[in-house]
Amino acid sequence: MVGARDGPGNGWGGMARARGTPAPSSFYWYDLETSGTHPGSDRIMQFAGCRTDTDLEVVDEPYVTYVRLGREV
């Protein structure tokens, strides 16, 4: 019998896993807010993250933090 996660792409967002590589038990999603679009000069202002299981159900408290910026930003 073929399971829901067994076909092409193994059900992991269309990405196949290497043979012998264990399936992830959770995912950590994150987002960065920055002061602009130039990585060399702009700064991270906020970080947020959330862990989900493989069915994308939240399994831990989301985390959000703000970064204290220097005077130059």
N, C-alpha and C. Protein backbone atom coordinates (compact mmCIF):
# COMPACT_ATOMS: atom_id res chain seq x y z
N MET A 1 0.85 -1.18 0.00
CA MET A 1 0.00 0.00 0.00
C MET A 1 0.89 1.24 0.00
N VAL A 2 0.54 2.21 -0.80
CA VAL A 2 1.30 3.45 -0.89
C VAL A 2 0.66 4.49 0.02
N GLY A 3 1.46 5.08 0.89
CA GLY A 3 0.94 6.10 1.80
C GLY A 3 0.83 7.46 1.12
N ALA A 4 0.19 8.38 1.80
CA ALA A 4 -0.03 9.72 1.25
C ALA A 4 1.28 10.45 0.99
N ARG A 5 2.33 10.10 1.73
CA ARG A 5 3.60 10.79 1.57
C ARG A 5 4.59 9.99 0.74
N ASP A 6 4.15 8.96 0.05
CA ASP A 6 5.06 8.11 -0.71
C ASP A 6 5.07 8.41 -2.19
N GLY A 7 4.75 9.10 -2.92
CA GLY A 7 4.80 9.18 -4.37
C GLY A 7 5.85 10.14 -4.83
N PRO A 8 5.71 10.63 -6.03
CA PRO A 8 6.69 11.56 -6.56
C PRO A 8 6.86 12.76 -5.63
N GLY A 9 8.08 13.05 -5.33
CA GLY A 9 8.37 14.19 -4.45
C GLY A 9 8.18 13.86 -2.98
N ASN A 10 7.70 12.67 -2.67
CA ASN A 10 7.52 12.22 -1.28
C ASN A 10 6.63 13.12 -0.45
N GLY A 11 5.86 14.02 -1.05
CA GLY A 11 4.95 14.84 -0.28
C GLY A 11 5.59 15.99 0.46
N TRP A 12 6.85 16.25 0.26
CA TRP A 12 7.55 17.30 1.00
C TRP A 12 7.73 18.52 0.12
N GLY A 13 6.65 19.16 -0.26
CA GLY A 13 6.73 20.37 -1.07
C GLY A 13 7.29 20.12 -2.45
N GLY A 14 7.14 18.91 -2.97
CA GLY A 14 7.63 18.60 -4.30
C GLY A 14 9.11 18.28 -4.35
N MET A 15 9.78 18.28 -3.20
CA MET A 15 11.21 18.01 -3.17
C MET A 15 11.44 16.56 -2.73
N ALA A 16 12.21 15.82 -3.50
CA ALA A 16 12.52 14.45 -3.14
C ALA A 16 13.65 14.43 -2.10
N ARG A 17 13.58 13.47 -1.19
CA ARG A 17 14.65 13.29 -0.21
C ARG A 17 15.66 12.30 -0.75
N ALA A 18 16.91 12.45 -0.37
CA ALA A 18 17.94 11.49 -0.75
C ALA A 18 17.64 10.15 -0.07
N ARG A 19 17.93 9.07 -0.76
CA ARG A 19 17.68 7.74 -0.20
C ARG A 19 18.41 7.60 1.13
N GLY A 20 17.71 7.11 2.12
CA GLY A 20 18.31 6.92 3.44
C GLY A 20 18.25 8.14 4.34
N THR A 21 17.80 9.27 3.81
CA THR A 21 17.69 10.49 4.61
C THR A 21 16.36 10.45 5.36
N PRO A 22 16.40 10.57 6.69
CA PRO A 22 15.13 10.52 7.43
C PRO A 22 14.25 11.73 7.11
N ALA A 23 12.95 11.50 7.13
CA ALA A 23 11.99 12.58 6.91
C ALA A 23 12.05 13.55 8.09
N PRO A 24 11.89 14.84 7.83
CA PRO A 24 11.87 15.78 8.95
C PRO A 24 10.63 15.55 9.81
N SER A 25 10.77 15.77 11.11
CA SER A 25 9.62 15.62 12.00
C SER A 25 8.94 16.96 12.23
N SER A 26 9.63 18.05 11.88
CA SER A 26 9.03 19.37 12.01
C SER A 26 9.77 20.34 11.09
N PHE A 27 9.16 21.50 10.91
CA PHE A 27 9.76 22.57 10.11
C PHE A 27 9.78 23.84 10.95
N TYR A 28 10.78 24.67 10.74
CA TYR A 28 10.81 25.97 11.41
C TYR A 28 10.72 27.04 10.33
N TRP A 29 9.64 27.81 10.36
CA TRP A 29 9.38 28.87 9.39
C TRP A 29 9.80 30.19 10.02
N TYR A 30 10.46 31.04 9.25
CA TYR A 30 10.87 32.32 9.82
C TYR A 30 10.73 33.44 8.81
N ASP A 31 10.68 34.65 9.33
CA ASP A 31 10.55 35.85 8.50
C ASP A 31 11.40 36.95 9.11
N LEU A 32 12.08 37.68 8.28
CA LEU A 32 12.88 38.82 8.72
C LEU A 32 12.30 40.09 8.13
N GLU A 33 12.18 41.11 8.94
CA GLU A 33 11.80 42.44 8.45
C GLU A 33 13.06 43.29 8.52
N THR A 34 13.34 44.01 7.45
CA THR A 34 14.57 44.80 7.39
C THR A 34 14.26 46.27 7.14
N SER A 35 15.30 47.08 7.27
CA SER A 35 15.14 48.52 7.09
C SER A 35 15.22 48.92 5.62
N GLY A 36 15.39 47.98 4.72
CA GLY A 36 15.47 48.28 3.29
C GLY A 36 15.79 47.03 2.49
N THR A 37 16.22 47.23 1.25
CA THR A 37 16.47 46.10 0.36
C THR A 37 17.94 45.91 0.01
N HIS A 38 18.84 46.60 0.67
CA HIS A 38 20.27 46.49 0.39
C HIS A 38 20.97 45.76 1.54
N PRO A 39 21.30 44.46 1.37
CA PRO A 39 21.87 43.67 2.45
C PRO A 39 23.16 44.24 3.03
N GLY A 40 23.94 44.95 2.24
CA GLY A 40 25.20 45.50 2.72
C GLY A 40 25.05 46.67 3.67
N SER A 41 23.94 47.39 3.58
CA SER A 41 23.79 48.58 4.42
C SER A 41 22.54 48.59 5.28
N ASP A 42 21.52 47.82 4.94
CA ASP A 42 20.29 47.81 5.72
C ASP A 42 20.37 46.78 6.84
N ARG A 43 19.54 46.93 7.84
CA ARG A 43 19.62 46.11 9.05
C ARG A 43 18.32 45.33 9.28
N ILE A 44 18.47 44.19 9.97
CA ILE A 44 17.31 43.42 10.40
C ILE A 44 16.63 44.19 11.52
N MET A 45 15.32 44.35 11.44
CA MET A 45 14.56 45.09 12.45
C MET A 45 13.66 44.17 13.27
N GLN A 46 13.23 43.04 12.70
CA GLN A 46 12.34 42.13 13.40
C GLN A 46 12.58 40.71 12.90
N PHE A 47 12.48 39.74 13.82
CA PHE A 47 12.56 38.33 13.49
C PHE A 47 11.32 37.65 14.06
N ALA A 48 10.70 36.78 13.27
CA ALA A 48 9.57 35.99 13.75
C ALA A 48 9.74 34.56 13.25
N GLY A 49 9.38 33.59 14.08
CA GLY A 49 9.51 32.20 13.69
C GLY A 49 8.42 31.35 14.32
N CYS A 50 8.17 30.20 13.69
CA CYS A 50 7.12 29.30 14.17
C CYS A 50 7.47 27.88 13.74
N ARG A 51 7.37 26.91 14.65
CA ARG A 51 7.61 25.50 14.33
C ARG A 51 6.28 24.80 14.06
N THR A 52 6.26 24.00 12.97
CA THR A 52 5.08 23.21 12.63
C THR A 52 5.49 21.75 12.47
N ASP A 53 4.50 20.87 12.56
CA ASP A 53 4.77 19.47 12.23
C ASP A 53 4.68 19.31 10.71
N THR A 54 4.79 18.09 10.25
CA THR A 54 4.78 17.87 8.80
C THR A 54 3.41 18.08 8.16
N ASP A 55 2.37 18.21 8.99
CA ASP A 55 1.04 18.55 8.48
C ASP A 55 0.78 20.05 8.58
N LEU A 56 1.84 20.81 8.91
CA LEU A 56 1.81 22.27 9.03
C LEU A 56 0.94 22.76 10.18
N GLU A 57 0.75 21.93 11.19
CA GLU A 57 0.06 22.33 12.41
C GLU A 57 1.10 22.92 13.36
N VAL A 58 0.81 24.07 13.95
CA VAL A 58 1.74 24.72 14.87
C VAL A 58 1.95 23.83 16.09
N VAL A 59 3.23 23.57 16.44
CA VAL A 59 3.53 22.67 17.55
C VAL A 59 4.25 23.37 18.70
N ASP A 60 4.56 24.64 18.55
CA ASP A 60 5.25 25.37 19.61
C ASP A 60 4.82 26.83 19.53
N GLU A 61 5.07 27.56 20.60
CA GLU A 61 4.70 28.98 20.62
C GLU A 61 5.49 29.75 19.56
N PRO A 62 4.84 30.58 18.76
CA PRO A 62 5.58 31.43 17.83
C PRO A 62 6.51 32.37 18.59
N TYR A 63 7.59 32.76 17.94
CA TYR A 63 8.58 33.64 18.55
C TYR A 63 8.69 34.91 17.72
N VAL A 64 8.63 36.06 18.36
CA VAL A 64 8.79 37.35 17.69
C VAL A 64 9.70 38.21 18.54
N THR A 65 10.67 38.86 17.90
CA THR A 65 11.53 39.79 18.62
C THR A 65 11.87 40.96 17.72
N TYR A 66 12.08 42.10 18.34
CA TYR A 66 12.49 43.30 17.63
C TYR A 66 13.96 43.56 17.94
N VAL A 67 14.67 44.11 16.99
CA VAL A 67 16.10 44.36 17.15
C VAL A 67 16.31 45.83 17.46
N ARG A 68 17.09 46.10 18.50
CA ARG A 68 17.42 47.49 18.82
C ARG A 68 18.44 47.98 17.79
N LEU A 69 18.07 49.03 17.10
CA LEU A 69 18.91 49.57 16.04
C LEU A 69 19.79 50.69 16.56
N GLY A 70 20.93 50.85 15.93
CA GLY A 70 21.81 51.97 16.28
C GLY A 70 21.24 53.28 15.75
N ARG A 71 21.84 54.35 16.14
CA ARG A 71 21.37 55.68 15.72
C ARG A 71 21.45 55.91 14.21
N GLU A 72 22.35 55.20 13.53
CA GLU A 72 22.53 55.44 12.10
C GLU A 72 21.37 54.94 11.26
N VAL A 73 20.49 54.11 11.80
CA VAL A 73 19.37 53.57 11.00
C VAL A 73 18.16 54.45 11.16
